[in-house]
Amino acid sequence: QVQLVESGGGSVQAGGSLRLSCAASGYIGNRYCMAWFRQAPGKEREGVANINRVRWTDYANSVKGRFTISQDNTKNTLYLQMNNLEPEDTAMYYCAAAHCPQLTTMPTLSSTDFPYWGQGTQVTVSS
């Protein structure tokens, strides 16, 4: 069973930066695509960024140019570097994983494409 544990959340002022980490375990090889999602109070969960086995990436329009998703397979860790944070980025951030048997499989930024989830880490951006 895949286990995902997020860390790195916190409180920052607008314009600041944070780096989220997601430690993964229980994998069978590295045949997984990974993603970050977020959910603000009273809003639906939304996809932020995802990355597949050949490191193709995709981003929500609201974070393009500010956020960068990456992974270190030697450490089984996924990252989300968040720069120039805005109050609208305040949310619980979740790491998610999906089995991707083909190298070029690229899930959409939809929560229904990802069956494995972490517990989340809170990001709060003040103006």
Protein backbone atom coordinates (compact mmCIF):
# COMPACT_ATOMS: atom_id res chain seq x y z
CA GLN A 1 0.00 0.00 0.00
CA VAL A 2 1.28 3.46 -0.90
CA GLN A 3 1.85 5.86 1.99
CA LEU A 4 2.38 9.59 1.51
CA VAL A 5 3.46 12.04 4.21
CA GLU A 6 3.59 15.78 3.51
CA SER A 7 5.68 18.37 5.34
CA GLY A 8 6.94 21.91 4.91
CA GLY A 9 3.76 23.89 5.30
CA GLY A 10 3.61 27.03 7.41
CA SER A 11 2.68 30.69 7.56
CA VAL A 12 4.36 33.27 5.34
CA GLN A 13 3.70 36.77 4.14
CA ALA A 14 2.67 37.52 0.59
CA GLY A 15 5.66 37.38 -1.73
CA GLY A 16 7.38 34.76 0.38
CA SER A 17 8.37 31.18 -0.47
CA LEU A 18 7.85 27.70 0.90
CA ARG A 19 8.95 24.25 -0.20
CA LEU A 20 6.62 21.35 0.46
CA SER A 21 7.89 17.79 0.62
CA CYS A 22 6.07 14.48 0.28
CA ALA A 23 7.80 11.32 1.46
CA ALA A 24 6.49 8.21 -0.29
CA SER A 25 6.76 4.61 0.78
CA GLY A 26 5.22 1.26 -0.08
CA TYR A 27 5.91 1.60 -3.79
CA ILE A 28 6.50 -1.31 -6.12
CA GLY A 29 9.31 0.16 -8.23
CA ASN A 30 8.85 3.75 -9.40
CA ARG A 31 5.83 3.26 -11.67
CA TYR A 32 3.86 6.15 -10.23
CA CYS A 33 2.81 9.60 -11.30
CA MET A 34 2.64 12.22 -8.56
CA ALA A 35 0.73 15.42 -7.98
CA TRP A 36 -0.03 18.23 -5.57
CA PHE A 37 -3.57 19.34 -4.85
CA ARG A 38 -4.95 21.98 -2.52
CA GLN A 39 -8.22 22.73 -0.82
CA ALA A 40 -9.20 26.04 0.73
CA PRO A 41 -12.03 26.28 3.28
CA GLY A 42 -15.40 26.16 1.54
CA LYS A 43 -13.87 25.34 -1.83
CA GLU A 44 -13.41 22.19 -3.85
CA ARG A 45 -10.08 20.41 -4.02
CA GLU A 46 -8.09 21.60 -7.03
CA GLY A 47 -5.07 20.28 -8.85
CA VAL A 48 -1.93 22.39 -8.52
CA ALA A 49 0.78 20.45 -10.38
CA ASN A 50 1.62 16.94 -11.50
CA ILE A 51 4.64 15.04 -12.80
CA ASN A 52 4.91 11.73 -14.61
CA ARG A 53 7.60 9.06 -14.88
CA VAL A 54 9.57 10.92 -17.57
CA ARG A 55 9.20 14.18 -15.60
CA TRP A 56 6.68 15.84 -17.84
CA THR A 57 4.91 18.43 -15.72
CA ASP A 58 1.63 20.27 -15.79
CA TYR A 59 0.43 23.20 -13.70
CA ALA A 60 -2.78 24.96 -12.87
CA ASN A 61 -2.92 28.35 -14.58
CA SER A 62 -3.07 30.09 -11.22
CA VAL A 63 0.39 28.86 -10.20
CA LYS A 64 2.29 28.79 -13.50
CA GLY A 65 5.55 30.68 -13.24
CA ARG A 66 5.43 30.65 -9.43
CA PHE A 67 5.36 26.97 -8.42
CA THR A 68 7.70 24.15 -9.47
CA ILE A 69 7.05 20.45 -8.96
CA SER A 70 10.00 18.07 -8.82
CA GLN A 71 10.94 14.69 -7.41
CA ASP A 72 13.99 12.86 -6.16
CA ASN A 73 13.54 9.16 -6.93
CA THR A 74 16.59 8.24 -4.85
CA LYS A 75 14.76 9.57 -1.81
CA ASN A 76 11.21 8.71 -2.94
CA THR A 77 10.33 12.33 -2.28
CA LEU A 78 8.14 14.77 -4.17
CA TYR A 79 8.60 18.53 -3.82
CA LEU A 80 6.63 21.67 -4.53
CA GLN A 81 8.65 24.88 -4.56
CA MET A 82 6.27 27.80 -4.11
CA ASN A 83 7.55 31.31 -4.79
CA ASN A 84 5.84 34.69 -4.79
CA LEU A 85 3.04 33.32 -2.65
CA GLU A 86 -0.30 35.11 -2.62
CA PRO A 87 -3.08 35.09 0.01
CA GLU A 88 -5.17 33.13 -2.52
CA ASP A 89 -2.67 30.26 -2.18
CA THR A 90 -3.82 29.68 1.41
CA ALA A 91 -5.07 26.10 1.60
CA MET A 92 -4.38 22.59 2.82
CA TYR A 93 -1.94 21.05 0.36
CA TYR A 94 -2.11 17.34 -0.43
CA CYS A 95 0.29 14.98 -2.13
CA ALA A 96 -1.26 12.32 -4.36
CA ALA A 97 -0.06 9.31 -6.36
CA ALA A 98 -1.37 7.20 -9.19
CA HIS A 99 -0.02 4.02 -10.73
CA CYS A 100 1.35 4.84 -14.20
CA PRO A 101 2.38 1.61 -15.94
CA GLN A 102 3.46 3.41 -19.13
CA LEU A 103 6.37 5.86 -19.10
CA THR A 104 4.44 8.58 -20.90
CA THR A 105 1.15 8.22 -19.04
CA MET A 106 0.13 11.68 -17.82
CA PRO A 107 -2.88 11.87 -15.51
CA THR A 108 -5.00 14.98 -15.56
CA LEU A 109 -5.08 17.42 -12.66
CA SER A 110 -8.25 15.80 -11.43
CA SER A 111 -8.50 14.22 -8.01
CA THR A 112 -10.35 11.26 -9.53
CA ASP A 113 -7.16 10.26 -11.38
CA PHE A 114 -5.26 9.77 -8.10
CA PRO A 115 -6.23 6.99 -5.67
CA TYR A 116 -3.50 7.54 -3.07
CA TRP A 117 -3.42 10.59 -0.80
CA GLY A 118 -1.48 12.05 2.09
CA GLN A 119 -2.98 13.78 5.11
CA GLY A 120 -2.07 17.29 3.98
CA THR A 121 0.03 20.21 5.18
CA GLN A 122 -1.38 23.68 5.81
CA VAL A 123 -0.10 26.73 3.95
CA THR A 124 -1.23 30.16 5.12
CA VAL A 125 -0.26 33.33 3.28
CA SER A 126 -0.99 36.68 4.89
CA SER A 127 -1.20 39.99 3.06
